[in-house]
Amino acid sequence: MTYKCLLFELKDGVATLTLNRPERLNALGDTLRDDLHDAILKCSDNPEVRVIVITGAGKGFCSGGDVKAMNEAKEGRRERPLGEKIAPNRDLTLLAMRDAPQPIIAAINGAAAGAGMNLALGCDIRIASTTAKFSQAFVKRGLHPDWGGTYFLPRVVGMAKAAELIFTGELIDAQEALRLGIVSQVVPPEELMGAVGQLARKIAAGPPVAIRLAKRSLYDNAERDLKSSLERETFSQNIASETEDAREGICAFVEKRDPKFQGR
């Protein structure tokens, strides 16, 4: 797949999507939002993709909305189309990420501000470089959070801390993000993609059907009571247990060897 503002690579079952506007710290302008949305949809439908990684080119992960483009649009008094106001592309992209059957890992190589931070929060797993910084920068521009910030952040850090970060736009470093649970690992910059790749390949080597069912259950059950969650687990386990991968996993355990999962 070829895009104007996004780099795509598929290797060993891992699709790497690199936001590619380094001169704007990968701000979500030009064609980047459309490129990312399209790439997520295509990865979702590709059986060869077992894991998706999202990262940024250059020094930043994503600086959020393209403020310069916003200013130019306002000065030109250009109104957004009604459809964009009701169901903007950013919402469709986040829903596509949540609906994607594959796990999505954010490799946060630098600044993740505003929409960029929330794009990272929309991923299933986040690993950061020591140079990464995070901010709910919307308030600094007189704007309301978007890209799912008011949904994702309280679920990660709790309501009070989310309110503090959103109301102040405070900048936090990678170690504070680790302490708050925003990221699960912090590594030196030169080790970031290696650490992400190692985790991605480990997941990609697992049984795709079981992992995809588990991703769906994790998010569905976050909104359910215990009884409904247990019913969901039983439903998913019944599906997984009938796969060839389940038989392979059991045989490999008995035969004391590593399983070779085929996604069937």
Protein backbone atom coordinates (compact mmCIF):
# COMPACT_ATOMS: atom_id res chain seq x y z
CA MET A 1 0.00 0.00 0.00
CA THR A 2 1.29 3.43 -0.95
CA TYR A 3 0.17 6.66 0.74
CA LYS A 4 1.14 10.31 0.64
CA CYS A 5 1.55 10.80 4.42
CA LEU A 6 1.89 7.25 5.73
CA LEU A 7 4.53 4.55 5.32
CA PHE A 8 3.37 0.93 5.27
CA GLU A 9 5.45 -2.19 5.82
CA LEU A 10 4.35 -5.80 6.32
CA LYS A 11 6.89 -8.33 7.58
CA ASP A 12 6.48 -11.57 9.52
CA GLY A 13 2.80 -10.89 10.13
CA VAL A 14 3.46 -7.41 11.58
CA ALA A 15 2.12 -4.37 9.71
CA THR A 16 3.97 -1.18 10.64
CA LEU A 17 2.15 2.09 9.92
CA THR A 18 4.46 5.10 10.20
CA LEU A 19 2.87 8.54 10.37
CA ASN A 20 4.98 10.42 7.86
CA ARG A 21 4.81 14.20 8.22
CA PRO A 22 8.03 14.68 10.20
CA GLU A 23 8.28 18.37 9.29
CA ARG A 24 5.03 18.91 11.28
CA LEU A 25 5.85 16.32 13.98
CA ASN A 26 3.30 14.11 12.21
CA ALA A 27 0.37 16.44 12.85
CA LEU A 28 -2.89 14.97 11.62
CA GLY A 29 -3.26 17.16 8.55
CA ASP A 30 -2.98 16.85 4.77
CA THR A 31 -3.99 13.26 3.87
CA LEU A 32 -2.67 11.63 7.05
CA ARG A 33 -6.03 10.99 8.71
CA ASP A 34 -7.46 9.47 5.53
CA ASP A 35 -4.28 7.46 4.94
CA LEU A 36 -4.34 6.03 8.45
CA HIS A 37 -8.03 5.16 8.29
CA ASP A 38 -7.60 3.38 4.97
CA ALA A 39 -4.53 1.47 6.16
CA ILE A 40 -6.30 0.28 9.32
CA LEU A 41 -9.27 -0.98 7.28
CA LYS A 42 -7.03 -2.79 4.80
CA CYS A 43 -4.97 -4.37 7.57
CA SER A 44 -8.16 -5.53 9.29
CA ASP A 45 -9.21 -7.41 6.16
CA ASN A 46 -5.77 -8.91 5.48
CA PRO A 47 -5.34 -12.42 6.97
CA GLU A 48 -1.56 -12.05 6.67
CA VAL A 49 -1.60 -9.21 9.24
CA ARG A 50 -1.51 -10.55 12.79
CA VAL A 51 -0.34 -7.41 14.61
CA ILE A 52 -0.45 -3.69 13.73
CA VAL A 53 2.19 -1.22 14.94
CA ILE A 54 1.66 2.56 14.74
CA THR A 55 4.65 4.89 15.10
CA GLY A 56 5.88 8.25 13.86
CA ALA A 57 8.63 9.35 11.48
CA GLY A 58 11.35 11.65 12.76
CA LYS A 59 11.41 13.06 16.28
CA GLY A 60 7.72 12.95 17.11
CA PHE A 61 4.97 10.37 17.40
CA CYS A 62 2.11 12.76 16.63
CA SER A 63 1.72 16.39 17.66
CA GLY A 64 -2.07 16.22 17.30
CA GLY A 65 -4.17 18.37 15.02
CA ASP A 66 -2.47 20.50 12.41
CA VAL A 67 -2.86 23.86 14.18
CA LYS A 68 -1.39 25.81 11.27
CA ALA A 69 -3.95 24.29 8.93
CA MET A 70 -6.71 25.05 11.46
CA ASN A 71 -5.65 28.68 11.57
CA GLU A 72 -5.54 28.93 7.79
CA ALA A 73 -9.03 27.43 7.57
CA LYS A 74 -10.42 29.85 10.16
CA GLU A 75 -8.84 32.87 8.49
CA GLY A 76 -10.39 31.77 5.23
CA ARG A 77 -13.69 31.27 7.07
CA ARG A 78 -13.99 27.87 5.48
CA GLU A 79 -16.83 25.83 7.02
CA ARG A 80 -16.42 22.10 7.46
CA PRO A 81 -18.99 19.95 5.63
CA LEU A 82 -21.91 18.86 7.80
CA GLY A 83 -20.85 15.20 7.59
CA GLU A 84 -17.43 16.08 8.98
CA LYS A 85 -19.06 17.80 11.96
CA ILE A 86 -21.34 14.85 12.73
CA ALA A 87 -19.03 11.88 12.02
CA PRO A 88 -15.51 13.17 11.44
CA ASN A 89 -12.82 10.93 10.02
CA ARG A 90 -11.04 10.84 13.38
CA ASP A 91 -14.03 9.03 14.91
CA LEU A 92 -14.19 6.55 12.06
CA THR A 93 -10.45 5.88 12.45
CA LEU A 94 -10.73 5.15 16.18
CA LEU A 95 -13.72 2.88 15.62
CA ALA A 96 -11.78 1.06 12.91
CA MET A 97 -8.89 0.59 15.36
CA ARG A 98 -11.20 -0.81 18.02
CA ASP A 99 -12.95 -3.06 15.49
CA ALA A 100 -9.67 -4.28 13.97
CA PRO A 101 -9.31 -7.94 14.93
CA GLN A 102 -5.54 -7.61 15.31
CA PRO A 103 -3.84 -6.20 18.42
CA ILE A 104 -2.49 -2.67 17.81
CA ILE A 105 0.73 -1.49 19.46
CA ALA A 106 1.76 2.18 19.64
CA ALA A 107 5.52 2.74 19.43
CA ILE A 108 5.74 6.24 20.88
CA ASN A 109 9.03 7.68 19.72
CA GLY A 110 8.54 11.32 20.75
CA ALA A 111 5.89 13.92 21.46
CA ALA A 112 2.32 12.62 21.67
CA ALA A 113 0.18 15.72 22.19
CA GLY A 114 -3.55 16.33 22.02
CA ALA A 115 -5.00 14.07 19.35
CA GLY A 116 -1.62 12.36 19.12
CA MET A 117 -1.82 11.26 22.74
CA ASN A 118 -5.37 10.04 22.23
CA LEU A 119 -4.40 8.17 19.07
CA ALA A 120 -1.86 6.31 21.21
CA LEU A 121 -4.51 5.69 23.88
CA GLY A 122 -6.71 4.16 21.18
CA CYS A 123 -4.12 1.43 20.65
CA ASP A 124 -4.24 -1.77 22.70
CA ILE A 125 -0.65 -1.58 23.98
CA ARG A 126 1.75 1.37 24.27
CA ILE A 127 5.54 1.32 24.52
CA ALA A 128 7.44 4.60 24.76
CA SER A 129 10.92 5.91 24.20
CA THR A 130 12.53 7.81 27.07
CA THR A 131 12.22 10.89 24.84
CA ALA A 132 8.42 10.60 24.62
CA LYS A 133 6.26 13.29 26.16
CA PHE A 134 2.50 13.40 26.57
CA SER A 135 -0.04 16.21 26.86
CA GLN A 136 -3.77 16.76 26.59
CA ALA A 137 -2.91 20.02 24.88
CA PHE A 138 -6.44 20.92 23.75
CA VAL A 139 -7.05 23.35 26.61
CA LYS A 140 -3.98 25.33 25.55
CA ARG A 141 -5.77 26.08 22.27
CA GLY A 142 -9.19 26.72 23.80
CA LEU A 143 -10.47 23.42 22.42
CA HIS A 144 -12.34 20.40 23.75
CA PRO A 145 -10.59 17.00 23.69
CA ASP A 146 -11.31 14.78 20.73
CA TRP A 147 -9.89 11.54 19.29
CA GLY A 148 -11.48 9.78 22.28
CA GLY A 149 -9.58 11.52 25.08
CA THR A 150 -12.53 11.79 27.47
CA TYR A 151 -13.27 8.09 26.90
CA PHE A 152 -9.81 6.53 26.96
CA LEU A 153 -7.93 8.57 29.55
CA PRO A 154 -10.23 8.06 32.59
CA ARG A 155 -10.22 4.32 31.89
CA VAL A 156 -6.43 4.28 32.06
CA VAL A 157 -5.54 6.76 34.84
CA GLY A 158 -8.83 7.23 36.74
CA MET A 159 -11.28 10.11 36.59
CA ALA A 160 -9.48 12.57 38.89
CA LYS A 161 -6.11 12.32 37.16
CA ALA A 162 -7.74 12.43 33.74
CA ALA A 163 -9.57 15.60 34.76
CA GLU A 164 -6.31 17.14 35.97
CA LEU A 165 -4.45 16.33 32.74
CA ILE A 166 -7.32 17.52 30.53
CA PHE A 167 -8.07 20.70 32.49
CA THR A 168 -4.40 21.80 32.66
CA GLY A 169 -2.85 20.42 29.50
CA GLU A 170 0.14 19.50 31.67
CA LEU A 171 3.14 17.95 29.91
CA ILE A 172 4.32 14.65 31.39
CA ASP A 173 7.40 12.61 30.52
CA ALA A 174 7.67 8.92 29.69
CA GLN A 175 8.46 7.85 33.25
CA GLU A 176 5.36 9.58 34.60
CA ALA A 177 3.34 8.00 31.80
CA LEU A 178 4.70 4.63 32.91
CA ARG A 179 3.79 5.33 36.55
CA LEU A 180 0.25 6.25 35.53
CA GLY A 181 -0.16 3.15 33.36
CA ILE A 182 -0.41 5.11 30.11
CA VAL A 183 2.47 3.03 28.73
CA SER A 184 3.61 -0.44 29.76
CA GLN A 185 7.31 -0.07 28.91
CA VAL A 186 9.86 2.74 28.55
CA VAL A 187 13.06 2.03 26.65
CA PRO A 188 15.96 4.07 25.23
CA PRO A 189 15.22 5.60 21.80
CA GLU A 190 17.58 3.27 19.96
CA GLU A 191 15.82 0.24 21.48
CA LEU A 192 12.21 1.28 20.89
CA MET A 193 11.47 -0.41 17.59
CA GLY A 194 13.42 -3.48 18.65
CA ALA A 195 11.34 -3.82 21.82
CA VAL A 196 8.09 -3.21 19.94
CA GLY A 197 9.12 -5.64 17.21
CA GLN A 198 9.97 -8.33 19.73
CA LEU A 199 6.55 -8.01 21.38
CA ALA A 200 4.74 -7.82 18.04
CA ARG A 201 6.45 -10.95 16.75
CA LYS A 202 5.67 -12.77 19.99
CA ILE A 203 1.98 -11.94 19.59
CA ALA A 204 2.06 -12.70 15.86
CA ALA A 205 3.43 -16.17 16.60
CA GLY A 206 0.39 -16.90 18.78
CA PRO A 207 -2.97 -18.35 17.71
CA PRO A 208 -4.72 -15.56 15.75
CA VAL A 209 -8.29 -16.76 16.34
CA ALA A 210 -7.86 -16.96 20.12
CA ILE A 211 -6.07 -13.61 20.29
CA ARG A 212 -8.69 -11.85 18.18
CA LEU A 213 -11.49 -13.28 20.30
CA ALA A 214 -9.64 -12.18 23.44
CA LYS A 215 -9.27 -8.62 22.14
CA ARG A 216 -12.99 -8.42 21.49
CA SER A 217 -13.82 -9.87 24.92
CA LEU A 218 -11.51 -7.46 26.73
CA TYR A 219 -13.30 -4.42 25.33
CA ASP A 220 -16.81 -5.85 25.33
CA ASN A 221 -16.50 -7.05 28.91
CA ALA A 222 -15.24 -3.68 30.12
CA GLU A 223 -18.82 -2.48 29.62
CA ARG A 224 -20.59 -5.61 30.96
CA ASP A 225 -21.43 -7.11 34.34
CA LEU A 226 -19.74 -10.31 35.56
CA LYS A 227 -22.51 -12.66 34.41
CA SER A 228 -22.48 -11.26 30.88
CA SER A 229 -18.69 -11.31 30.81
CA LEU A 230 -18.59 -14.98 31.78
CA GLU A 231 -21.14 -15.78 29.06
CA ARG A 232 -18.97 -13.92 26.54
CA GLU A 233 -15.91 -15.89 27.64
CA THR A 234 -17.76 -19.19 27.27
CA PHE A 235 -18.97 -18.22 23.79
CA SER A 236 -15.42 -17.29 22.70
CA GLN A 237 -13.83 -20.33 24.32
CA ASN A 238 -16.23 -22.63 22.49
CA ILE A 239 -15.10 -21.10 19.19
CA ALA A 240 -11.39 -21.20 20.02
CA SER A 241 -11.46 -24.76 21.31
CA GLU A 242 -12.70 -26.07 17.96
CA THR A 243 -9.83 -24.58 15.93
CA GLU A 244 -6.86 -26.45 14.50
CA ASP A 245 -4.65 -24.08 16.51
CA ALA A 246 -6.20 -25.36 19.76
CA ARG A 247 -5.44 -28.93 18.78
CA GLU A 248 -1.91 -27.91 17.83
CA GLY A 249 -1.41 -26.09 21.13
CA ILE A 250 -2.49 -29.12 23.14
CA CYS A 251 -0.39 -31.55 21.07
CA ALA A 252 2.66 -29.29 21.36
CA PHE A 253 2.28 -29.20 25.14
CA VAL A 254 2.03 -32.98 25.37
CA GLU A 255 4.94 -33.45 22.96
CA LYS A 256 7.02 -30.81 24.80
CA ARG A 257 7.66 -28.60 21.74
CA ASP A 258 6.80 -25.09 20.60
CA PRO A 259 3.42 -24.87 18.85
CA LYS A 260 3.13 -23.71 15.25
CA PHE A 261 -0.12 -21.81 14.88
CA GLN A 262 -1.66 -21.39 11.41
CA GLY A 263 -4.68 -19.22 12.19
CA ARG A 264 -7.19 -21.96 11.53
